[in-house]
Amino acid sequence: MPDAEVRVASDDNVHYVARVVSPAFTGKTRIQRHRLVHAAMGESLGREIHAMSLDLKSPEEAGQEGAG
């Protein structure tokens, strides 16, 4: 996802939280967004990465969080 802004954090290098902001998420459901990320990650999801929480936002949604 070349247009995405991605931040990944982990306290223990086993469990990860990924925040992804991408225009590709605009108008997509939560499931559609997750499918896009899973497709982009390919086989590494489930092999090297076992536990990842995803916070997926369009740029508009991410901007609204900072405005409140």
N, C-alpha and C. Protein backbone atom coordinates (compact mmCIF):
# COMPACT_ATOMS: atom_id res chain seq x y z
N MET A 1 0.85 -1.18 0.00
CA MET A 1 0.00 0.00 0.00
C MET A 1 0.90 1.24 0.00
N PRO A 2 1.36 1.63 -1.16
CA PRO A 2 2.35 2.71 -1.26
C PRO A 2 1.84 4.08 -0.81
N ASP A 3 0.54 4.29 -0.81
CA ASP A 3 0.00 5.60 -0.42
C ASP A 3 -0.32 5.67 1.07
N ALA A 4 -0.03 4.63 1.82
CA ALA A 4 -0.43 4.54 3.22
C ALA A 4 0.62 5.13 4.15
N GLU A 5 0.14 5.70 5.24
CA GLU A 5 0.99 6.11 6.36
C GLU A 5 0.84 5.01 7.41
N VAL A 6 1.94 4.37 7.76
CA VAL A 6 1.90 3.20 8.64
C VAL A 6 2.78 3.43 9.86
N ARG A 7 2.23 3.13 11.03
CA ARG A 7 3.01 3.13 12.28
C ARG A 7 2.75 1.81 12.98
N VAL A 8 3.81 1.13 13.37
CA VAL A 8 3.70 -0.15 14.05
C VAL A 8 4.42 -0.04 15.39
N ALA A 9 3.77 -0.51 16.43
CA ALA A 9 4.36 -0.47 17.76
C ALA A 9 4.22 -1.84 18.42
N SER A 10 5.19 -2.18 19.27
CA SER A 10 5.15 -3.42 20.02
C SER A 10 5.91 -3.24 21.33
N ASP A 11 5.31 -3.71 22.40
CA ASP A 11 5.98 -3.67 23.69
C ASP A 11 6.87 -4.89 23.92
N ASP A 12 6.56 -5.99 23.20
CA ASP A 12 7.27 -7.23 23.46
C ASP A 12 7.81 -7.92 22.20
N ASN A 13 7.71 -7.29 21.05
CA ASN A 13 8.15 -7.85 19.77
C ASN A 13 7.45 -9.16 19.41
N VAL A 14 6.27 -9.37 19.99
CA VAL A 14 5.42 -10.51 19.65
C VAL A 14 4.03 -10.02 19.27
N HIS A 15 3.52 -9.10 20.07
CA HIS A 15 2.20 -8.51 19.84
C HIS A 15 2.38 -7.11 19.27
N TYR A 16 1.69 -6.83 18.17
CA TYR A 16 1.88 -5.57 17.47
C TYR A 16 0.56 -4.81 17.34
N VAL A 17 0.67 -3.50 17.27
CA VAL A 17 -0.45 -2.63 16.94
C VAL A 17 -0.02 -1.83 15.72
N ALA A 18 -0.79 -1.93 14.66
CA ALA A 18 -0.48 -1.20 13.43
C ALA A 18 -1.58 -0.18 13.16
N ARG A 19 -1.18 1.07 12.99
CA ARG A 19 -2.11 2.12 12.60
C ARG A 19 -1.79 2.45 11.15
N VAL A 20 -2.79 2.28 10.29
CA VAL A 20 -2.62 2.51 8.87
C VAL A 20 -3.64 3.54 8.42
N VAL A 21 -3.15 4.62 7.83
CA VAL A 21 -4.02 5.66 7.27
C VAL A 21 -3.79 5.66 5.77
N SER A 22 -4.87 5.44 5.01
CA SER A 22 -4.74 5.35 3.55
C SER A 22 -6.00 5.84 2.85
N PRO A 23 -5.84 6.56 1.75
CA PRO A 23 -6.99 6.93 0.94
C PRO A 23 -7.73 5.71 0.40
N ALA A 24 -7.06 4.58 0.31
CA ALA A 24 -7.69 3.35 -0.19
C ALA A 24 -8.82 2.89 0.73
N PHE A 25 -8.85 3.36 1.98
CA PHE A 25 -9.88 2.95 2.93
C PHE A 25 -11.16 3.77 2.81
N THR A 26 -11.12 4.87 2.10
CA THR A 26 -12.29 5.74 1.96
C THR A 26 -13.44 4.96 1.33
N GLY A 27 -14.57 4.96 2.01
CA GLY A 27 -15.77 4.29 1.51
C GLY A 27 -15.78 2.78 1.70
N LYS A 28 -14.77 2.23 2.35
CA LYS A 28 -14.67 0.79 2.56
C LYS A 28 -15.18 0.42 3.96
N THR A 29 -15.74 -0.78 4.06
CA THR A 29 -16.16 -1.29 5.36
C THR A 29 -14.93 -1.75 6.14
N ARG A 30 -15.13 -2.04 7.40
CA ARG A 30 -14.03 -2.52 8.25
C ARG A 30 -13.43 -3.81 7.68
N ILE A 31 -14.29 -4.73 7.26
CA ILE A 31 -13.82 -6.00 6.69
C ILE A 31 -13.04 -5.77 5.40
N GLN A 32 -13.52 -4.89 4.53
CA GLN A 32 -12.82 -4.59 3.29
C GLN A 32 -11.43 -4.00 3.57
N ARG A 33 -11.34 -3.15 4.57
CA ARG A 33 -10.06 -2.56 4.95
C ARG A 33 -9.10 -3.63 5.44
N HIS A 34 -9.58 -4.52 6.29
CA HIS A 34 -8.75 -5.60 6.80
C HIS A 34 -8.26 -6.50 5.67
N ARG A 35 -9.12 -6.77 4.72
CA ARG A 35 -8.72 -7.61 3.58
C ARG A 35 -7.63 -6.95 2.76
N LEU A 36 -7.71 -5.64 2.57
CA LEU A 36 -6.66 -4.92 1.84
C LEU A 36 -5.31 -5.05 2.54
N VAL A 37 -5.31 -4.89 3.87
CA VAL A 37 -4.06 -4.98 4.64
C VAL A 37 -3.53 -6.41 4.62
N HIS A 38 -4.40 -7.38 4.81
CA HIS A 38 -3.96 -8.77 4.79
C HIS A 38 -3.37 -9.14 3.44
N ALA A 39 -3.97 -8.66 2.35
CA ALA A 39 -3.43 -8.93 1.01
C ALA A 39 -2.06 -8.27 0.84
N ALA A 40 -1.90 -7.06 1.38
CA ALA A 40 -0.63 -6.36 1.25
C ALA A 40 0.47 -7.05 2.06
N MET A 41 0.11 -7.63 3.19
CA MET A 41 1.11 -8.28 4.05
C MET A 41 1.50 -9.66 3.55
N GLY A 42 0.62 -10.29 2.82
CA GLY A 42 0.92 -11.60 2.25
C GLY A 42 1.17 -12.66 3.29
N GLU A 43 2.13 -13.52 3.00
CA GLU A 43 2.39 -14.69 3.83
C GLU A 43 3.03 -14.37 5.17
N SER A 44 3.59 -13.18 5.33
CA SER A 44 4.23 -12.87 6.61
C SER A 44 3.22 -12.81 7.75
N LEU A 45 1.96 -12.52 7.41
CA LEU A 45 0.92 -12.53 8.44
C LEU A 45 0.57 -13.98 8.73
N GLY A 46 0.82 -14.40 9.94
CA GLY A 46 0.60 -15.79 10.32
C GLY A 46 1.88 -16.59 10.42
N ARG A 47 2.95 -16.08 9.82
CA ARG A 47 4.26 -16.73 9.95
C ARG A 47 5.11 -15.92 10.92
N GLU A 48 5.74 -14.87 10.42
CA GLU A 48 6.59 -14.04 11.27
C GLU A 48 5.75 -13.21 12.26
N ILE A 49 4.57 -12.84 11.83
CA ILE A 49 3.69 -12.00 12.65
C ILE A 49 2.51 -12.84 13.09
N HIS A 50 2.34 -12.97 14.41
CA HIS A 50 1.29 -13.82 14.93
C HIS A 50 0.15 -13.05 15.57
N ALA A 51 0.43 -11.91 16.13
CA ALA A 51 -0.60 -11.15 16.84
C ALA A 51 -0.49 -9.68 16.47
N MET A 52 -1.47 -9.21 15.68
CA MET A 52 -1.45 -7.82 15.27
C MET A 52 -2.85 -7.24 15.36
N SER A 53 -2.94 -6.13 16.04
CA SER A 53 -4.18 -5.36 16.11
C SER A 53 -4.09 -4.27 15.06
N LEU A 54 -5.15 -4.08 14.29
CA LEU A 54 -5.14 -3.10 13.20
C LEU A 54 -6.08 -1.94 13.50
N ASP A 55 -5.57 -0.73 13.36
CA ASP A 55 -6.34 0.50 13.46
C ASP A 55 -6.28 1.13 12.07
N LEU A 56 -7.36 1.01 11.30
CA LEU A 56 -7.37 1.37 9.89
C LEU A 56 -8.28 2.56 9.65
N LYS A 57 -7.73 3.65 9.13
CA LYS A 57 -8.48 4.89 8.95
C LYS A 57 -8.24 5.48 7.56
N SER A 58 -9.26 6.16 7.05
CA SER A 58 -9.07 7.00 5.87
C SER A 58 -8.42 8.29 6.36
N PRO A 59 -7.81 9.08 5.47
CA PRO A 59 -7.23 10.36 5.91
C PRO A 59 -8.25 11.28 6.59
N GLU A 60 -9.48 11.26 6.09
CA GLU A 60 -10.52 12.09 6.68
C GLU A 60 -10.83 11.66 8.12
N GLU A 61 -10.92 10.36 8.35
CA GLU A 61 -11.19 9.85 9.69
C GLU A 61 -10.03 10.16 10.63
N ALA A 62 -8.82 10.01 10.15
CA ALA A 62 -7.65 10.29 10.97
C ALA A 62 -7.61 11.78 11.33
N GLY A 63 -7.98 12.65 10.41
CA GLY A 63 -8.01 14.08 10.66
C GLY A 63 -9.06 14.48 11.68
N GLN A 64 -10.20 13.79 11.67
CA GLN A 64 -11.27 14.08 12.62
C GLN A 64 -10.86 13.74 14.04
N GLU A 65 -10.03 12.73 14.21
CA GLU A 65 -9.55 12.36 15.55
C GLU A 65 -8.73 13.47 16.17
N GLY A 66 -7.93 14.12 15.36
CA GLY A 66 -7.06 15.19 15.86
C GLY A 66 -7.79 16.51 16.07
N ALA A 67 -9.00 16.62 15.51
CA ALA A 67 -9.74 17.88 15.58
C ALA A 67 -10.59 17.98 16.84
N GLY A 68 -10.73 16.89 17.59
CA GLY A 68 -11.64 16.89 18.73
C GLY A 68 -10.97 17.20 19.94
